[in-house]
C-alpha atoms as a PDB file:
ATOM      1  CA  UNK A   1     -61.745 -67.087  -5.130  1.00  0.00           C
ATOM      2  CA  UNK A   2     -63.525 -67.496  -8.449  1.00  0.00           C
ATOM      3  CA  UNK A   3     -62.447 -65.749 -11.604  1.00  0.00           C
ATOM      4  CA  UNK A   4     -65.392 -63.404 -11.391  1.00  0.00           C
ATOM      5  CA  UNK A   5     -64.433 -62.271  -7.860  1.00  0.00           C
ATOM      6  CA  UNK A   6     -63.165 -58.715  -7.725  1.00  0.00           C
ATOM      7  CA  UNK A   7     -60.829 -56.619  -5.625  1.00  0.00           C
ATOM      8  CA  UNK A   8     -60.068 -52.953  -5.619  1.00  0.00           C
ATOM      9  CA  UNK A   9     -56.587 -51.619  -6.409  1.00  0.00           C
ATOM     10  CA  UNK A  10     -56.646 -47.884  -6.210  1.00  0.00           C
ATOM     11  CA  UNK A  11     -59.597 -46.905  -8.369  1.00  0.00           C
ATOM     12  CA  UNK A  12     -59.319 -49.936 -10.642  1.00  0.00           C
ATOM     13  CA  UNK A  13     -61.475 -53.035 -10.161  1.00  0.00           C
ATOM     14  CA  UNK A  14     -59.465 -56.235 -10.744  1.00  0.00           C
ATOM     15  CA  UNK A  15     -60.607 -59.814 -11.116  1.00  0.00           C
ATOM     16  CA  UNK A  16     -58.977 -62.561  -9.088  1.00  0.00           C
ATOM     17  CA  UNK A  17     -56.951 -63.624 -12.119  1.00  0.00           C
ATOM     18  CA  UNK A  18     -55.635 -60.108 -12.684  1.00  0.00           C
ATOM     19  CA  UNK A  19     -54.774 -59.799  -8.989  1.00  0.00           C
ATOM     20  CA  UNK A  20     -52.840 -63.074  -9.070  1.00  0.00           C
ATOM     21  CA  UNK A  21     -50.911 -61.929 -12.129  1.00  0.00           C
ATOM     22  CA  UNK A  22     -50.162 -58.615 -10.469  1.00  0.00           C
ATOM     23  CA  UNK A  23     -48.705 -60.316  -7.367  1.00  0.00           C
ATOM     24  CA  UNK A  24     -46.753 -62.697  -9.570  1.00  0.00           C
ATOM     25  CA  UNK A  25     -45.209 -59.753 -11.401  1.00  0.00           C
ATOM     26  CA  UNK A  26     -44.325 -58.043  -8.123  1.00  0.00           C
ATOM     27  CA  UNK A  27     -42.683 -61.230  -6.841  1.00  0.00           C
ATOM     28  CA  UNK A  28     -40.724 -61.551 -10.073  1.00  0.00           C
ATOM     29  CA  UNK A  29     -39.412 -57.999  -9.773  1.00  0.00           C
ATOM     30  CA  UNK A  30     -38.490 -58.565  -6.131  1.00  0.00           C
ATOM     31  CA  UNK A  31     -36.484 -61.638  -7.086  1.00  0.00           C
ATOM     32  CA  UNK A  32     -34.693 -59.693  -9.810  1.00  0.00           C
ATOM     33  CA  UNK A  33     -33.710 -56.980  -7.311  1.00  0.00           C
ATOM     34  CA  UNK A  34     -32.621 -59.621  -4.790  1.00  0.00           C
ATOM     35  CA  UNK A  35     -30.514 -61.252  -7.472  1.00  0.00           C
ATOM     36  CA  UNK A  36     -28.715 -57.967  -8.089  1.00  0.00           C
ATOM     37  CA  UNK A  37     -28.110 -57.359  -4.373  1.00  0.00           C
ATOM     38  CA  UNK A  38     -27.168 -60.909  -3.293  1.00  0.00           C
ATOM     39  CA  UNK A  39     -23.650 -60.945  -4.835  1.00  0.00           C
ATOM     40  CA  UNK A  40     -22.758 -57.857  -2.787  1.00  0.00           C
ATOM     41  CA  UNK A  41     -23.763 -59.343   0.570  1.00  0.00           C
ATOM     42  CA  UNK A  42     -20.485 -61.306   1.040  1.00  0.00           C
ATOM     43  CA  UNK A  43     -18.532 -58.222  -0.023  1.00  0.00           C
ATOM     44  CA  UNK A  44     -20.283 -56.070   2.559  1.00  0.00           C
ATOM     45  CA  UNK A  45     -19.838 -58.754   5.240  1.00  0.00           C
ATOM     46  CA  UNK A  46     -16.121 -58.939   4.452  1.00  0.00           C
ATOM     47  CA  UNK A  47     -15.729 -55.157   4.600  1.00  0.00           C
ATOM     48  CA  UNK A  48     -17.653 -54.986   7.872  1.00  0.00           C
ATOM     49  CA  UNK A  49     -15.569 -57.744   9.453  1.00  0.00           C
ATOM     50  CA  UNK A  50     -12.111 -56.818   8.210  1.00  0.00           C
ATOM     51  CA  UNK A  51     -12.082 -53.177   7.112  1.00  0.00           C
ATOM     52  CA  UNK A  52     -14.684 -50.760   8.465  1.00  0.00           C
ATOM     53  CA  UNK A  53     -17.749 -50.884  10.695  1.00  0.00           C
ATOM     54  CA  UNK A  54     -19.802 -48.815  13.133  1.00  0.00           C
ATOM     55  CA  UNK A  55     -20.237 -49.094  16.894  1.00  0.00           C
ATOM     56  CA  UNK A  56     -22.257 -47.366  19.580  1.00  0.00           C
ATOM     57  CA  UNK A  57     -19.974 -46.293  22.424  1.00  0.00           C
ATOM     58  CA  UNK A  58     -21.661 -46.873  25.753  1.00  0.00           C
ATOM     59  CA  UNK A  59     -20.711 -45.983  29.298  1.00  0.00           C
ATOM     60  CA  UNK A  60     -18.934 -43.013  30.878  1.00  0.00           C
ATOM     61  CA  UNK A  61     -15.318 -44.155  30.781  1.00  0.00           C
ATOM     62  CA  UNK A  62     -14.444 -42.128  27.666  1.00  0.00           C
ATOM     63  CA  UNK A  63     -16.184 -38.887  28.613  1.00  0.00           C
ATOM     64  CA  UNK A  64     -15.863 -36.173  27.438  1.00  0.00           C
ATOM     65  CA  UNK A  65     -14.481 -37.600  24.178  1.00  0.00           C
ATOM     66  CA  UNK A  66     -17.576 -39.799  23.837  1.00  0.00           C
ATOM     67  CA  UNK A  67     -21.039 -39.591  25.409  1.00  0.00           C
ATOM     68  CA  UNK A  68     -20.502 -36.074  26.719  1.00  0.00           C
ATOM     69  CA  UNK A  69     -24.286 -35.560  26.726  1.00  0.00           C
ATOM     70  CA  UNK A  70     -24.800 -38.101  29.498  1.00  0.00           C
ATOM     71  CA  UNK A  71     -25.001 -41.839  30.038  1.00  0.00           C
ATOM     72  CA  UNK A  72     -28.453 -42.050  28.384  1.00  0.00           C
ATOM     73  CA  UNK A  73     -26.941 -40.996  25.041  1.00  0.00           C
ATOM     74  CA  UNK A  74     -24.599 -43.242  23.040  1.00  0.00           C
ATOM     75  CA  UNK A  75     -22.278 -41.771  20.421  1.00  0.00           C
ATOM     76  CA  UNK A  76     -21.752 -43.582  17.115  1.00  0.00           C
ATOM     77  CA  UNK A  77     -18.145 -44.275  16.140  1.00  0.00           C
ATOM     78  CA  UNK A  78     -16.527 -45.474  12.910  1.00  0.00           C
ATOM     79  CA  UNK A  79     -14.147 -48.380  13.462  1.00  0.00           C
ATOM     80  CA  UNK A  80     -10.999 -48.865  11.411  1.00  0.00           C
ATOM     81  CA  UNK A  81     -10.436 -52.620  11.653  1.00  0.00           C
ATOM     82  CA  UNK A  82      -7.833 -52.821   8.910  1.00  0.00           C
ATOM     83  CA  UNK A  83      -5.273 -50.741  10.809  1.00  0.00           C
ATOM     84  CA  UNK A  84      -5.906 -52.727  13.980  1.00  0.00           C
ATOM     85  CA  UNK A  85      -5.326 -56.030  12.185  1.00  0.00           C
ATOM     86  CA  UNK A  86      -1.969 -54.718  11.001  1.00  0.00           C
ATOM     87  CA  UNK A  87      -1.226 -53.390  14.522  1.00  0.00           C
ATOM     88  CA  UNK A  88      -0.870 -49.885  13.115  1.00  0.00           C
ATOM     89  CA  UNK A  89      -2.053 -48.318  16.351  1.00  0.00           C
ATOM     90  CA  UNK A  90      -0.172 -45.424  17.923  1.00  0.00           C
ATOM     91  CA  UNK A  91       0.027 -43.872  21.365  1.00  0.00           C
ATOM     92  CA  UNK A  92      -2.925 -41.669  22.190  1.00  0.00           C
ATOM     93  CA  UNK A  93      -5.346 -43.330  19.757  1.00  0.00           C
ATOM     94  CA  UNK A  94      -8.697 -44.723  20.879  1.00  0.00           C
ATOM     95  CA  UNK A  95      -9.285 -48.425  20.369  1.00  0.00           C
ATOM     96  CA  UNK A  96     -12.007 -51.018  20.892  1.00  0.00           C
ATOM     97  CA  UNK A  97     -10.727 -54.171  22.563  1.00  0.00           C
ATOM     98  CA  UNK A  98     -11.960 -57.237  24.389  1.00  0.00           C
ATOM     99  CA  UNK A  99     -11.852 -57.075  28.158  1.00  0.00           C
ATOM    100  CA  UNK A 100      -8.956 -59.157  29.535  1.00  0.00           C
ATOM    101  CA  UNK A 101     -11.331 -60.324  32.289  1.00  0.00           C
ATOM    102  CA  UNK A 102     -14.410 -61.082  30.173  1.00  0.00           C
ATOM    103  CA  UNK A 103     -13.973 -61.964  26.470  1.00  0.00           C
ATOM    104  CA  UNK A 104     -17.661 -61.179  25.834  1.00  0.00           C
ATOM    105  CA  UNK A 105     -17.227 -57.570  26.979  1.00  0.00           C
ATOM    106  CA  UNK A 106     -15.964 -54.821  24.675  1.00  0.00           C
ATOM    107  CA  UNK A 107     -14.002 -51.866  26.058  1.00  0.00           C
ATOM    108  CA  UNK A 108     -13.310 -48.470  24.505  1.00  0.00           C
ATOM    109  CA  UNK A 109     -10.025 -47.030  25.780  1.00  0.00           C
ATOM    110  CA  UNK A 110      -7.126 -44.801  24.797  1.00  0.00           C
ATOM    111  CA  UNK A 111      -3.671 -46.274  24.226  1.00  0.00           C
ATOM    112  CA  UNK A 112      -1.242 -44.701  26.698  1.00  0.00           C
ATOM    113  CA  UNK A 113       1.799 -46.945  26.382  1.00  0.00           C
ATOM    114  CA  UNK A 114       3.230 -49.239  23.693  1.00  0.00           C
ATOM    115  CA  UNK A 115       5.508 -52.259  24.196  1.00  0.00           C
ATOM    116  CA  UNK A 116       8.770 -51.109  25.728  1.00  0.00           C
ATOM    117  CA  UNK A 117       7.306 -47.931  27.256  1.00  0.00           C
ATOM    118  CA  UNK A 118       7.366 -47.190  30.973  1.00  0.00           C
ATOM    119  CA  UNK A 119       4.177 -45.711  32.377  1.00  0.00           C
ATOM    120  CA  UNK A 120       3.388 -44.124  35.720  1.00  0.00           C
ATOM    121  CA  UNK A 121      -0.111 -45.276  36.841  1.00  0.00           C
ATOM    122  CA  UNK A 122      -2.678 -42.702  37.840  1.00  0.00           C
ATOM    123  CA  UNK A 123      -2.123 -43.666  41.466  1.00  0.00           C
ATOM    124  CA  UNK A 124       0.938 -41.571  42.236  1.00  0.00           C
ATOM    125  CA  UNK A 125       1.954 -43.960  45.015  1.00  0.00           C
ATOM    126  CA  UNK A 126       2.148 -46.933  42.641  1.00  0.00           C
ATOM    127  CA  UNK A 127       5.391 -48.059  41.052  1.00  0.00           C
ATOM    128  CA  UNK A 128       6.080 -47.248  37.439  1.00  0.00           C
ATOM    129  CA  UNK A 129       5.204 -50.026  35.021  1.00  0.00           C
ATOM    130  CA  UNK A 130       7.231 -51.385  32.119  1.00  0.00           C
ATOM    131  CA  UNK A 131       4.875 -52.422  29.304  1.00  0.00           C
ATOM    132  CA  UNK A 132       5.940 -55.921  28.193  1.00  0.00           C
ATOM    133  CA  UNK A 133       6.461 -57.074  24.633  1.00  0.00           C
ATOM    134  CA  UNK A 134       3.168 -57.629  22.826  1.00  0.00           C
ATOM    135  CA  UNK A 135       1.181 -55.580  25.356  1.00  0.00           C
ATOM    136  CA  UNK A 136      -0.256 -52.076  25.638  1.00  0.00           C
ATOM    137  CA  UNK A 137      -1.343 -49.812  28.479  1.00  0.00           C
ATOM    138  CA  UNK A 138      -4.881 -48.463  28.013  1.00  0.00           C
ATOM    139  CA  UNK A 139      -6.963 -45.969  29.988  1.00  0.00           C
ATOM    140  CA  UNK A 140     -10.344 -44.275  29.809  1.00  0.00           C
ATOM    141  CA  UNK A 141     -10.398 -40.499  29.472  1.00  0.00           C
ATOM    142  CA  UNK A 142     -12.695 -40.282  32.501  1.00  0.00           C
ATOM    143  CA  UNK A 143     -10.480 -41.562  35.302  1.00  0.00           C
ATOM    144  CA  UNK A 144     -13.371 -41.458  37.789  1.00  0.00           C
ATOM    145  CA  UNK A 145     -15.489 -43.939  35.800  1.00  0.00           C
ATOM    146  CA  UNK A 146     -13.029 -46.220  34.054  1.00  0.00           C
ATOM    147  CA  UNK A 147     -11.694 -49.693  34.752  1.00  0.00           C
ATOM    148  CA  UNK A 148      -8.536 -49.960  32.700  1.00  0.00           C
ATOM    149  CA  UNK A 149      -4.856 -50.847  32.908  1.00  0.00           C
ATOM    150  CA  UNK A 150      -4.664 -49.043  36.244  1.00  0.00           C
ATOM    151  CA  UNK A 151      -6.806 -51.914  37.579  1.00  0.00           C
ATOM    152  CA  UNK A 152      -5.862 -54.951  35.471  1.00  0.00           C
ATOM    153  CA  UNK A 153      -2.431 -53.995  34.141  1.00  0.00           C
ATOM    154  CA  UNK A 154      -1.107 -53.994  30.588  1.00  0.00           C
ATOM    155  CA  UNK A 155      -3.208 -56.021  28.148  1.00  0.00           C
ATOM    156  CA  UNK A 156      -2.224 -58.144  25.129  1.00  0.00           C
ATOM    157  CA  UNK A 157      -2.295 -56.123  21.913  1.00  0.00           C
ATOM    158  CA  UNK A 158      -4.070 -59.075  20.291  1.00  0.00           C
ATOM    159  CA  UNK A 159      -7.231 -58.067  22.183  1.00  0.00           C
ATOM    160  CA  UNK A 160      -7.591 -54.970  19.996  1.00  0.00           C
ATOM    161  CA  UNK A 161     -10.501 -55.247  17.576  1.00  0.00           C
ATOM    162  CA  UNK A 162     -10.415 -51.811  15.938  1.00  0.00           C
ATOM    163  CA  UNK A 163      -9.120 -48.273  16.042  1.00  0.00           C
ATOM    164  CA  UNK A 164     -11.760 -45.555  16.332  1.00  0.00           C
ATOM    165  CA  UNK A 165     -11.054 -43.075  13.568  1.00  0.00           C
ATOM    166  CA  UNK A 166     -14.226 -40.969  13.385  1.00  0.00           C
ATOM    167  CA  UNK A 167     -17.226 -39.914  15.450  1.00  0.00           C
ATOM    168  CA  UNK A 168     -20.328 -40.073  13.255  1.00  0.00           C
ATOM    169  CA  UNK A 169     -23.008 -39.120  15.794  1.00  0.00           C
ATOM    170  CA  UNK A 170     -24.116 -36.720  17.119  1.00  0.00           C
ATOM    171  CA  UNK A 171     -23.665 -34.594  14.021  1.00  0.00           C
ATOM    172  CA  UNK A 172     -22.864 -31.547  16.135  1.00  0.00           C
ATOM    173  CA  UNK A 173     -19.766 -33.376  17.440  1.00  0.00           C
ATOM    174  CA  UNK A 174     -18.918 -35.416  14.343  1.00  0.00           C
ATOM    175  CA  UNK A 175     -15.338 -35.429  13.161  1.00  0.00           C
ATOM    176  CA  UNK A 176     -12.030 -37.245  13.251  1.00  0.00           C
ATOM    177  CA  UNK A 177     -11.005 -38.788  16.556  1.00  0.00           C
ATOM    178  CA  UNK A 178      -7.387 -37.765  16.908  1.00  0.00           C
ATOM    179  CA  UNK A 179      -4.587 -39.126  19.051  1.00  0.00           C
ATOM    180  CA  UNK A 180      -3.817 -37.519  22.387  1.00  0.00           C
ATOM    181  CA  UNK A 181      -0.627 -38.735  24.017  1.00  0.00           C
ATOM    182  CA  UNK A 182      -0.090 -38.851  27.751  1.00  0.00           C
ATOM    183  CA  UNK A 183       1.909 -36.130  29.476  1.00  0.00           C
ATOM    184  CA  UNK A 184       5.600 -36.651  30.104  1.00  0.00           C
ATOM    185  CA  UNK A 185       5.011 -37.216  33.817  1.00  0.00           C
ATOM    186  CA  UNK A 186       2.879 -40.248  32.920  1.00  0.00           C
ATOM    187  CA  UNK A 187       4.968 -41.653  30.063  1.00  0.00           C
ATOM    188  CA  UNK A 188       8.349 -41.726  31.785  1.00  0.00           C
ATOM    189  CA  UNK A 189      10.112 -43.800  29.122  1.00  0.00           C
ATOM    190  CA  UNK A 190       9.127 -43.631  25.473  1.00  0.00           C
ATOM    191  CA  UNK A 191      10.342 -46.561  23.392  1.00  0.00           C
ATOM    192  CA  UNK A 192      11.678 -45.770  19.928  1.00  0.00           C
ATOM    193  CA  UNK A 193       8.587 -46.924  18.047  1.00  0.00           C
ATOM    194  CA  UNK A 194       5.443 -45.184  16.899  1.00  0.00           C
ATOM    195  CA  UNK A 195       3.052 -48.127  16.518  1.00  0.00           C
ATOM    196  CA  UNK A 196       2.496 -51.581  17.990  1.00  0.00           C
ATOM    197  CA  UNK A 197       3.716 -53.033  14.694  1.00  0.00           C
ATOM    198  CA  UNK A 198       6.884 -50.954  14.967  1.00  0.00           C
ATOM    199  CA  UNK A 199       7.509 -52.247  18.462  1.00  0.00           C
ATOM    200  CA  UNK A 200       6.994 -55.836  17.314  1.00  0.00           C
ATOM    201  CA  UNK A 201       9.598 -55.332  14.586  1.00  0.00           C
ATOM    202  CA  UNK A 202      12.286 -54.433  17.094  1.00  0.00           C
ATOM    203  CA  UNK A 203      13.995 -56.226  19.926  1.00  0.00           C
ATOM    204  CA  UNK A 204      12.592 -55.033  23.232  1.00  0.00           C
ATOM    205  CA  UNK A 205      15.818 -55.852  24.988  1.00  0.00           C
ATOM    206  CA  UNK A 206      17.904 -53.381  22.990  1.00  0.00           C
ATOM    207  CA  UNK A 207      15.196 -50.921  22.056  1.00  0.00           C
ATOM    208  CA  UNK A 208      16.462 -47.324  22.223  1.00  0.00           C
ATOM    209  CA  UNK A 209      14.131 -44.682  23.589  1.00  0.00           C
ATOM    210  CA  UNK A 210      13.730 -41.385  25.375  1.00  0.00           C
ATOM    211  CA  UNK A 211      14.212 -41.612  29.116  1.00  0.00           C
ATOM    212  CA  UNK A 212      12.766 -39.192  31.620  1.00  0.00           C
ATOM    213  CA  UNK A 213      14.306 -39.490  35.117  1.00  0.00           C
ATOM    214  CA  UNK A 214      12.168 -41.778  37.233  1.00  0.00           C
ATOM    215  CA  UNK A 215      12.287 -44.185  40.130  1.00  0.00           C
ATOM    216  CA  UNK A 216      12.052 -47.935  40.276  1.00  0.00           C
ATOM    217  CA  UNK A 217      10.160 -49.826  37.595  1.00  0.00           C
ATOM    218  CA  UNK A 218       7.642 -52.606  38.057  1.00  0.00           C
ATOM    219  CA  UNK A 219       7.606 -55.370  35.457  1.00  0.00           C
ATOM    220  CA  UNK A 220       4.190 -56.922  34.818  1.00  0.00           C
END
């Protein structure tokens, strides 16, 4: 390109030199904006990893709470990672956790039982289960399309990645995702703790609780 070459910018005719200066100015401004944004990237990464993030909920296991419109639609959930890291997760809350069978797979389930609780599985013929120390009993809301603790037993609480606190999409269903505890016929013994952290702070061997008459217990 010689200096007398021209290009058109809008309705203005620019020489090659003017065009080069224009692009240089644009690059300079872009670098200035990048310089303002760059310091916030580690902050955002830290928040996303430790505090709050978003996740698309796939599958049918949590219908109708999530994906009530069908399997082709994925709801968007807000994840509270800070509470999960502190084990401040209560009965009836929905969590995201790693599959105990495949660490690369993420599951979305509802917490039914905390450490020290006794749970009756969905199969009425199965023995009641005592949830061991450091474990939780999780289930999908859609019992016909969920692989959960009824199949693989209680899972380590350390597998929990986040607590789902809010549904962001679709907007017509957006709102807080509240806790929904199991019925008394499912939770036959309720340990005297409200969160996983509370259970960890007590001795499971002497933990007081509320007992509902039941049969034999199975320890897993």
